[in-house]
């Protein structure tokens, strides 16, 4: 009898991250940011990642551990455990686990008992890089792939700034696929950080939306927008990358539109479960303005509201205009889940279409036991991953030649 053909991966699979889901298996092949190093102090931290309840801690020797939340003995939470003696001790009956999940002690068991050697708490590899803590939750935990050396986390020629972790109560993919949807920058954010406040003679202009290309890259894709520059042989360029599995990257430029951007902004997105996710934002600045981060944060998020809500406005997101943060939350959280909502995609959605197709293809690669794009081999361990998303002024290029060499996607809406 012929083997039963597996169901094809569709867009409806992309939002779900549990261990038995197609997208969940794919995400587990990557190192995911799970916490800021400076926020992990002398007590354990309960955390949910890809639908699994976990506890993150440093033992008394400074080693990082990420274990299953509930003690293998009777299920009590290790979030309330005690750090010491080479691990974390359950407060209920004192079972002690090291950072690899090995049970070291069981105080109530008979002296000389070897029962503890038969107990293993679920554990995952964790590493720190550039102020972030990453976890690998894939199948080969003893020999995980190398943690990528992302440029904004390893460079030493500037200043790195990590924002506090942000938590959101809607599906992760709604946020991620927003990155290549660059048309919304000119429309949704025209009252906030884009529109009149942008460089390049109002580059993101509601009445003159810049044309863009969706371009495949080594680590994902990017949307490249262009407008005529200040001289006939120049152009303003804005590149926004969506990198696998869930990284967003862009270069920032000051209002004067200097040719070389001096700040990189990178967002690492990690799903808690199907309904929640975390954002880890990293800025890497090589300029000379001592107040740069203060200014960029004010510009990026702005005030929570710019006008008083009308007394009869009972909507959940009233007075959302004027804050990039609230504008994104309002639109993305009210979409509903991909695969369940009705959609009518047009030519301006070609970046979204490309990203969805790319993710589906990489999920298929994992289901066929292959290595997905962005997962490094051992001989790539020292490679520095530079996403190279440019924002600024550059000389005009022959776009058709550049696009062809970069894997430019046509305007066809095949999904």
Protein backbone atom coordinates (compact mmCIF):
# COMPACT_ATOMS: atom_id res chain seq x y z
CA UNK A 1 0.00 0.00 0.00
CA UNK A 2 1.36 3.40 -0.94
CA UNK A 3 2.37 5.71 1.90
CA UNK A 4 -0.18 8.38 2.75
CA UNK A 5 0.81 11.73 1.26
CA UNK A 6 1.40 14.42 3.86
CA UNK A 7 -0.80 17.50 3.80
CA UNK A 8 0.73 20.51 2.08
CA UNK A 9 1.75 23.42 4.33
CA UNK A 10 -0.58 26.40 3.90
CA UNK A 11 -0.79 29.94 5.26
CA UNK A 12 -3.19 28.62 7.91
CA UNK A 13 -0.25 26.71 9.48
CA UNK A 14 1.95 29.77 10.01
CA UNK A 15 0.45 31.22 13.22
CA UNK A 16 0.74 28.06 15.34
CA UNK A 17 3.90 27.36 17.35
CA UNK A 18 3.28 24.32 19.57
CA UNK A 19 5.73 21.38 19.42
CA UNK A 20 3.42 19.25 17.26
CA UNK A 21 2.63 21.98 14.72
CA UNK A 22 4.39 22.43 11.38
CA UNK A 23 5.53 26.00 12.12
CA UNK A 24 6.45 25.05 15.67
CA UNK A 25 8.79 22.33 14.42
CA UNK A 26 10.36 24.82 12.02
CA UNK A 27 10.87 27.54 14.66
CA UNK A 28 12.56 25.01 16.94
CA UNK A 29 15.42 24.65 14.45
CA UNK A 30 16.63 28.18 15.28
CA UNK A 31 18.12 29.93 18.29
CA UNK A 32 15.44 32.27 19.66
CA UNK A 33 15.89 35.29 21.93
CA UNK A 34 14.12 34.59 25.23
CA UNK A 35 15.32 37.25 27.74
CA UNK A 36 17.59 40.23 28.37
CA UNK A 37 20.70 39.21 30.29
CA UNK A 38 20.48 42.26 32.57
CA UNK A 39 16.97 41.24 33.66
CA UNK A 40 18.03 37.79 34.88
CA UNK A 41 19.15 38.32 38.45
CA UNK A 42 19.33 36.09 41.52
CA UNK A 43 15.87 34.51 41.30
CA UNK A 44 14.48 32.13 38.64
CA UNK A 45 12.40 33.60 35.84
CA UNK A 46 9.28 31.81 34.62
CA UNK A 47 8.87 32.13 30.85
CA UNK A 48 6.71 30.62 28.13
CA UNK A 49 8.35 29.91 24.76
CA UNK A 50 6.65 28.24 21.77
CA UNK A 51 3.85 27.06 24.03
CA UNK A 52 6.12 25.46 26.64
CA UNK A 53 6.30 26.59 30.27
CA UNK A 54 9.95 26.97 31.26
CA UNK A 55 12.15 28.42 33.96
CA UNK A 56 15.32 30.41 33.20
CA UNK A 57 18.03 30.86 35.83
CA UNK A 58 21.73 31.24 36.57
CA UNK A 59 23.16 28.75 39.02
CA UNK A 60 25.56 29.73 41.80
CA UNK A 61 28.47 29.37 39.36
CA UNK A 62 26.92 31.76 36.84
CA UNK A 63 25.90 29.05 34.35
CA UNK A 64 22.65 29.58 32.43
CA UNK A 65 19.89 26.99 32.67
CA UNK A 66 16.53 26.61 30.94
CA UNK A 67 14.40 23.79 32.33
CA UNK A 68 10.82 22.64 32.19
CA UNK A 69 8.79 24.72 34.62
CA UNK A 70 7.24 21.88 36.61
CA UNK A 71 9.33 19.60 38.80
CA UNK A 72 9.50 16.00 37.62
CA UNK A 73 8.57 14.85 41.15
CA UNK A 74 5.11 16.29 41.85
CA UNK A 75 4.81 19.15 39.37
CA UNK A 76 5.45 22.18 41.56
CA UNK A 77 6.83 25.27 39.83
CA UNK A 78 10.59 25.67 39.76
CA UNK A 79 10.03 29.40 39.28
CA UNK A 80 9.94 29.45 43.10
CA UNK A 81 13.00 27.22 43.45
CA UNK A 82 16.18 28.03 45.35
CA UNK A 83 19.48 28.63 43.55
CA UNK A 84 22.55 26.92 45.03
CA UNK A 85 24.61 23.74 45.28
CA UNK A 86 25.19 23.69 41.53
CA UNK A 87 21.60 24.06 40.36
CA UNK A 88 17.99 24.89 41.20
CA UNK A 89 16.14 23.16 44.04
CA UNK A 90 12.39 22.54 44.04
CA UNK A 91 10.81 24.20 47.10
CA UNK A 92 8.37 21.29 47.69
CA UNK A 93 10.62 18.30 48.38
CA UNK A 94 14.07 19.69 47.62
CA UNK A 95 14.92 17.86 44.42
CA UNK A 96 17.97 19.58 42.94
CA UNK A 97 18.57 19.92 39.17
CA UNK A 98 21.64 21.18 37.34
CA UNK A 99 21.48 23.37 34.23
CA UNK A 100 21.29 20.28 32.00
CA UNK A 101 18.30 18.88 33.85
CA UNK A 102 20.17 16.16 35.72
CA UNK A 103 18.74 15.42 39.15
CA UNK A 104 21.55 15.74 41.71
CA UNK A 105 19.76 15.30 45.04
CA UNK A 106 16.50 13.95 46.49
CA UNK A 107 16.67 14.72 50.23
CA UNK A 108 13.71 12.54 51.28
CA UNK A 109 14.96 9.39 49.53
CA UNK A 110 16.96 6.76 51.45
CA UNK A 111 20.65 7.46 51.95
CA UNK A 112 22.64 5.92 49.12
CA UNK A 113 19.65 5.73 46.76
CA UNK A 114 20.47 5.98 43.06
CA UNK A 115 16.89 6.92 42.13
CA UNK A 116 17.98 10.48 41.29
CA UNK A 117 20.06 9.13 38.40
CA UNK A 118 16.88 7.93 36.70
CA UNK A 119 15.27 11.39 36.75
CA UNK A 120 15.81 13.97 34.00
CA UNK A 121 14.11 17.37 33.96
CA UNK A 122 13.43 18.73 30.42
CA UNK A 123 16.22 21.15 29.50
CA UNK A 124 17.30 23.30 26.56
CA UNK A 125 20.68 24.83 25.58
CA UNK A 126 20.99 28.55 26.29
CA UNK A 127 23.67 31.08 25.36
CA UNK A 128 24.21 34.79 25.91
CA UNK A 129 25.15 37.11 23.04
CA UNK A 130 25.27 40.90 22.98
CA UNK A 131 23.11 41.26 26.08
CA UNK A 132 20.40 38.82 24.94
CA UNK A 133 19.85 35.23 26.08
CA UNK A 134 19.04 32.76 23.30
CA UNK A 135 17.59 29.25 23.56
CA UNK A 136 17.64 26.32 21.16
CA UNK A 137 14.58 24.06 21.47
CA UNK A 138 15.24 21.80 18.48
CA UNK A 139 15.65 18.04 18.27
CA UNK A 140 19.45 17.75 18.68
CA UNK A 141 20.02 19.56 21.97
CA UNK A 142 23.41 17.94 22.61
CA UNK A 143 24.74 19.22 19.26
CA UNK A 144 22.74 22.33 18.37
CA UNK A 145 23.64 24.44 15.34
CA UNK A 146 25.90 27.44 16.00
CA UNK A 147 24.27 30.51 17.53
CA UNK A 148 24.52 33.07 14.70
CA UNK A 149 26.87 35.97 15.38
CA UNK A 150 24.45 38.74 14.44
CA UNK A 151 26.39 41.91 13.61
CA UNK A 152 24.46 44.30 15.91
CA UNK A 153 25.16 41.93 18.82
CA UNK A 154 28.88 41.39 18.24
CA UNK A 155 30.18 44.64 16.72
CA UNK A 156 32.53 46.72 18.88
CA UNK A 157 32.84 49.97 16.91
CA UNK A 158 29.82 51.73 18.40
CA UNK A 159 27.26 51.73 21.22
CA UNK A 160 24.58 49.08 21.69
CA UNK A 161 21.23 49.84 23.32
CA UNK A 162 18.72 47.15 24.30
CA UNK A 163 15.18 48.28 24.98
CA UNK A 164 13.17 46.63 27.76
CA UNK A 165 11.33 43.50 26.60
CA UNK A 166 7.94 44.23 25.10
CA UNK A 167 5.05 41.78 25.47
CA UNK A 168 2.04 41.60 23.15
CA UNK A 169 -1.26 39.75 23.38
CA UNK A 170 -1.87 38.66 19.80
CA UNK A 171 -0.38 36.28 17.26
CA UNK A 172 3.31 36.59 16.39
CA UNK A 173 2.92 36.25 12.63
CA UNK A 174 0.64 39.29 12.42
CA UNK A 175 3.58 41.35 13.63
CA UNK A 176 6.25 39.59 11.57
CA UNK A 177 4.53 39.87 8.21
CA UNK A 178 3.94 43.55 8.87
CA UNK A 179 7.64 44.15 8.09
CA UNK A 180 7.49 43.73 4.27
CA UNK A 181 4.12 45.52 4.14
CA UNK A 182 5.87 48.85 3.58
CA UNK A 183 2.84 50.61 2.09
CA UNK A 184 1.40 50.91 5.59
CA UNK A 185 4.28 53.17 6.65
CA UNK A 186 2.96 55.98 4.45
CA UNK A 187 -0.65 55.45 5.47
CA UNK A 188 -1.04 54.11 9.01
CA UNK A 189 1.96 56.01 10.43
CA UNK A 190 1.53 59.29 8.57
CA UNK A 191 0.69 61.11 11.83
CA UNK A 192 3.50 59.58 13.88
CA UNK A 193 7.11 58.56 13.19
CA UNK A 194 6.75 58.58 9.42
CA UNK A 195 4.98 61.07 7.14
CA UNK A 196 6.08 64.63 7.87
CA UNK A 197 8.70 63.59 10.40
CA UNK A 198 10.68 61.47 7.94
CA UNK A 199 13.86 62.29 6.08
CA UNK A 200 14.12 62.55 2.30
CA UNK A 201 11.55 65.28 1.62
CA UNK A 202 8.75 63.33 3.30
CA UNK A 203 9.80 59.98 1.89
CA UNK A 204 6.74 58.18 3.31
CA UNK A 205 4.19 60.53 1.82
CA UNK A 206 0.52 59.57 2.07
CA UNK A 207 -0.13 61.16 -1.36
CA UNK A 208 3.07 59.92 -2.99
CA UNK A 209 3.76 56.42 -1.65
CA UNK A 210 7.25 55.29 -2.70
CA UNK A 211 7.42 52.30 -5.06
CA UNK A 212 9.14 49.21 -3.68
CA UNK A 213 10.58 45.86 -4.67
CA UNK A 214 10.39 42.58 -2.73
CA UNK A 215 13.86 41.02 -2.85
CA UNK A 216 14.98 37.58 -1.64
CA UNK A 217 18.20 37.52 0.41
CA UNK A 218 20.46 34.87 1.93
CA UNK A 219 18.66 35.02 5.27
CA UNK A 220 15.13 35.95 4.23
CA UNK A 221 13.84 38.90 2.24
CA UNK A 222 13.62 42.67 2.27
CA UNK A 223 11.36 45.38 0.88
CA UNK A 224 13.33 48.10 -0.91
CA UNK A 225 11.62 51.48 -1.38
CA UNK A 226 13.05 54.28 -3.53
CA UNK A 227 12.37 57.91 -4.38
CA UNK A 228 14.37 60.52 -6.35
CA UNK A 229 17.21 62.01 -4.33
CA UNK A 230 18.45 65.57 -3.86
CA UNK A 231 20.54 65.38 -7.06
CA UNK A 232 19.69 63.89 -10.47
CA UNK A 233 22.10 60.97 -10.01
CA UNK A 234 20.96 60.06 -6.49
CA UNK A 235 17.98 58.49 -4.77
CA UNK A 236 16.57 58.06 -1.30
CA UNK A 237 16.48 54.37 -0.32
CA UNK A 238 14.73 52.60 2.53
CA UNK A 239 15.29 48.86 3.05
CA UNK A 240 13.34 46.86 5.63
CA UNK A 241 14.30 43.23 6.16
CA UNK A 242 12.28 40.25 7.37
CA UNK A 243 14.87 37.60 8.23
CA UNK A 244 14.18 34.00 9.18
CA UNK A 245 12.83 32.84 11.40
CA UNK A 246 11.44 36.02 13.00
CA UNK A 247 13.89 38.94 12.83
CA UNK A 248 13.13 42.45 11.53
CA UNK A 249 15.97 44.75 10.55
CA UNK A 250 16.37 48.29 9.24
CA UNK A 251 18.94 51.03 9.13
CA UNK A 252 17.99 54.42 10.54
CA UNK A 253 19.04 57.81 9.19
CA UNK A 254 18.80 61.31 10.58
CA UNK A 255 16.46 63.98 9.21
CA UNK A 256 19.24 65.48 7.11
CA UNK A 257 19.45 62.27 5.08
CA UNK A 258 23.19 61.70 5.42
CA UNK A 259 24.53 59.20 2.93
CA UNK A 260 25.73 56.72 5.57
CA UNK A 261 23.18 55.59 8.16
CA UNK A 262 24.74 55.51 11.61
CA UNK A 263 22.24 53.32 13.45
CA UNK A 264 20.96 49.79 12.92
CA UNK A 265 17.65 48.74 14.44
CA UNK A 266 17.04 45.00 14.87
CA UNK A 267 13.99 43.31 16.38
CA UNK A 268 14.09 39.69 17.56
CA UNK A 269 10.57 38.31 17.81
CA UNK A 270 9.81 35.20 19.88
CA UNK A 271 6.34 33.63 20.24
CA UNK A 272 5.26 32.73 23.77
CA UNK A 273 2.37 30.75 22.34
CA UNK A 274 -0.30 31.18 19.65
CA UNK A 275 -1.73 34.28 21.34
CA UNK A 276 1.31 36.10 22.74
CA UNK A 277 4.83 37.08 21.76
CA UNK A 278 7.88 39.01 22.97
CA UNK A 279 9.99 41.63 21.20
CA UNK A 280 13.68 42.27 21.85
CA UNK A 281 14.78 45.53 20.20
CA UNK A 282 18.46 46.30 19.67
CA UNK A 283 19.91 49.57 18.37
CA UNK A 284 23.56 49.81 17.35
CA UNK A 285 24.79 53.39 16.92
CA UNK A 286 28.13 54.53 15.45
CA UNK A 287 27.46 58.27 15.37
CA UNK A 288 28.55 61.07 17.72
CA UNK A 289 25.26 62.39 19.16
CA UNK A 290 25.30 61.74 22.92
CA UNK A 291 21.51 62.07 23.05
CA UNK A 292 20.81 59.88 20.04
CA UNK A 293 19.00 57.08 21.88
CA UNK A 294 16.87 59.57 23.80
CA UNK A 295 15.82 61.20 20.53
CA UNK A 296 15.22 58.00 18.58
CA UNK A 297 13.03 56.51 21.33
CA UNK A 298 10.88 59.64 21.42
CA UNK A 299 10.55 59.60 17.66
CA UNK A 300 9.93 55.87 17.44
CA UNK A 301 7.18 55.60 20.02
CA UNK A 302 6.04 59.14 20.61
CA UNK A 303 3.39 60.01 23.16
CA UNK A 304 0.71 57.44 23.95
CA UNK A 305 -1.85 59.84 22.51
CA UNK A 306 -1.88 63.31 20.96
CA UNK A 307 -5.48 64.23 21.59
CA UNK A 308 -8.10 63.61 24.21
CA UNK A 309 -10.55 60.83 23.31
CA UNK A 310 -14.13 61.80 22.71
CA UNK A 311 -16.30 60.96 25.74
CA UNK A 312 -18.51 58.68 23.65
CA UNK A 313 -15.61 56.76 22.09
CA UNK A 314 -15.83 53.32 23.72
CA UNK A 315 -13.46 51.55 21.35
CA UNK A 316 -10.62 49.58 22.93
CA UNK A 317 -7.95 51.55 21.03
CA UNK A 318 -9.23 55.10 21.19
CA UNK A 319 -6.81 57.92 20.42
CA UNK A 320 -4.28 55.50 18.92
CA UNK A 321 -3.16 58.04 16.28
CA UNK A 322 0.25 59.62 16.76
CA UNK A 323 2.06 56.64 18.32
CA UNK A 324 3.72 54.05 16.06
CA UNK A 325 3.40 51.53 18.86
CA UNK A 326 -0.34 51.96 19.34
CA UNK A 327 -1.04 52.20 15.61
CA UNK A 328 0.64 48.84 15.04
CA UNK A 329 -1.06 47.20 18.01
CA UNK A 330 -4.49 48.41 16.90
CA UNK A 331 -4.18 47.16 13.32
CA UNK A 332 -2.34 43.89 13.93
CA UNK A 333 -4.26 42.72 17.00
CA UNK A 334 -7.64 43.27 15.32
CA UNK A 335 -6.79 41.26 12.18
CA UNK A 336 -7.53 37.84 13.59
CA UNK A 337 -5.44 34.76 12.80
CA UNK A 338 -3.98 34.18 9.36
CA UNK A 339 -5.91 31.35 7.77
CA UNK A 340 -9.12 32.23 9.59
CA UNK A 341 -9.60 35.77 8.36
CA UNK A 342 -10.89 36.80 4.94
CA UNK A 343 -8.36 38.61 2.74
CA UNK A 344 -8.16 40.24 -0.68
CA UNK A 345 -4.50 40.74 -1.58
CA UNK A 346 -3.36 43.25 -4.19
CA UNK A 347 -0.10 44.14 -5.91
CA UNK A 348 1.01 46.25 -2.92
CA UNK A 349 0.96 43.03 -0.86
CA UNK A 350 3.75 41.40 -2.86
CA UNK A 351 6.18 41.64 0.05
CA UNK A 352 3.74 39.86 2.35
CA UNK A 353 3.09 37.23 -0.32
CA UNK A 354 6.80 36.59 -0.74
CA UNK A 355 7.41 36.23 3.01
CA UNK A 356 4.52 33.81 3.49
CA UNK A 357 5.69 31.70 0.57
CA UNK A 358 9.25 31.70 1.89
CA UNK A 359 8.18 30.58 5.37
CA UNK A 360 5.97 27.83 3.91
CA UNK A 361 8.88 26.55 1.83
CA UNK A 362 11.25 26.51 4.81
CA UNK A 363 8.68 24.66 6.93
CA UNK A 364 8.42 22.09 4.14
CA UNK A 365 12.21 21.79 4.21
CA UNK A 366 12.12 20.93 7.92
CA UNK A 367 9.29 18.42 7.48
CA UNK A 368 11.48 16.73 4.84
CA UNK A 369 14.37 16.57 7.36
CA UNK A 370 16.34 19.33 5.64
CA UNK A 371 18.19 22.38 7.02
CA UNK A 372 16.13 25.57 6.65
CA UNK A 373 17.48 28.93 5.50
CA UNK A 374 19.25 30.79 8.29
CA UNK A 375 20.32 27.71 10.29
CA UNK A 376 24.11 27.62 10.19
CA UNK A 377 26.42 24.68 9.74
CA UNK A 378 29.38 24.06 12.05
CA UNK A 379 31.85 25.54 9.56
CA UNK A 380 29.82 28.77 9.52
CA UNK A 381 30.05 29.24 13.29
CA UNK A 382 32.40 32.24 13.12
CA UNK A 383 30.56 34.03 10.31
CA UNK A 384 29.21 37.47 11.24
CA UNK A 385 25.63 37.83 10.03
CA UNK A 386 25.16 41.29 8.54
CA UNK A 387 21.65 41.87 7.20
CA UNK A 388 22.75 44.93 5.19
CA UNK A 389 19.48 46.86 5.13
CA UNK A 390 20.39 50.33 3.88
CA UNK A 391 18.51 53.53 4.63
CA UNK A 392 19.87 56.77 3.23
CA UNK A 393 21.03 58.44 0.01
CA UNK A 394 22.88 56.53 -2.67
CA UNK A 395 23.70 56.83 -6.35
CA UNK A 396 21.02 55.56 -8.68
CA UNK A 397 21.41 51.92 -9.66
CA UNK A 398 20.26 49.83 -12.58
CA UNK A 399 17.40 48.33 -10.63
CA UNK A 400 16.58 45.57 -13.08
CA UNK A 401 20.16 44.25 -12.98
CA UNK A 402 20.40 44.55 -9.20
CA UNK A 403 16.96 42.98 -8.71
CA UNK A 404 17.76 40.06 -10.96
CA UNK A 405 21.02 39.35 -9.15
CA UNK A 406 19.29 39.58 -5.76
CA UNK A 407 16.32 37.39 -6.59
CA UNK A 408 13.75 40.12 -7.20
CA UNK A 409 10.18 38.87 -7.13
CA UNK A 410 7.87 39.92 -9.91
CA UNK A 411 4.50 41.51 -9.40
CA UNK A 412 2.70 38.18 -9.83
CA UNK A 413 0.46 37.35 -6.89
CA UNK A 414 0.94 33.60 -6.86
CA UNK A 415 0.82 32.42 -3.25
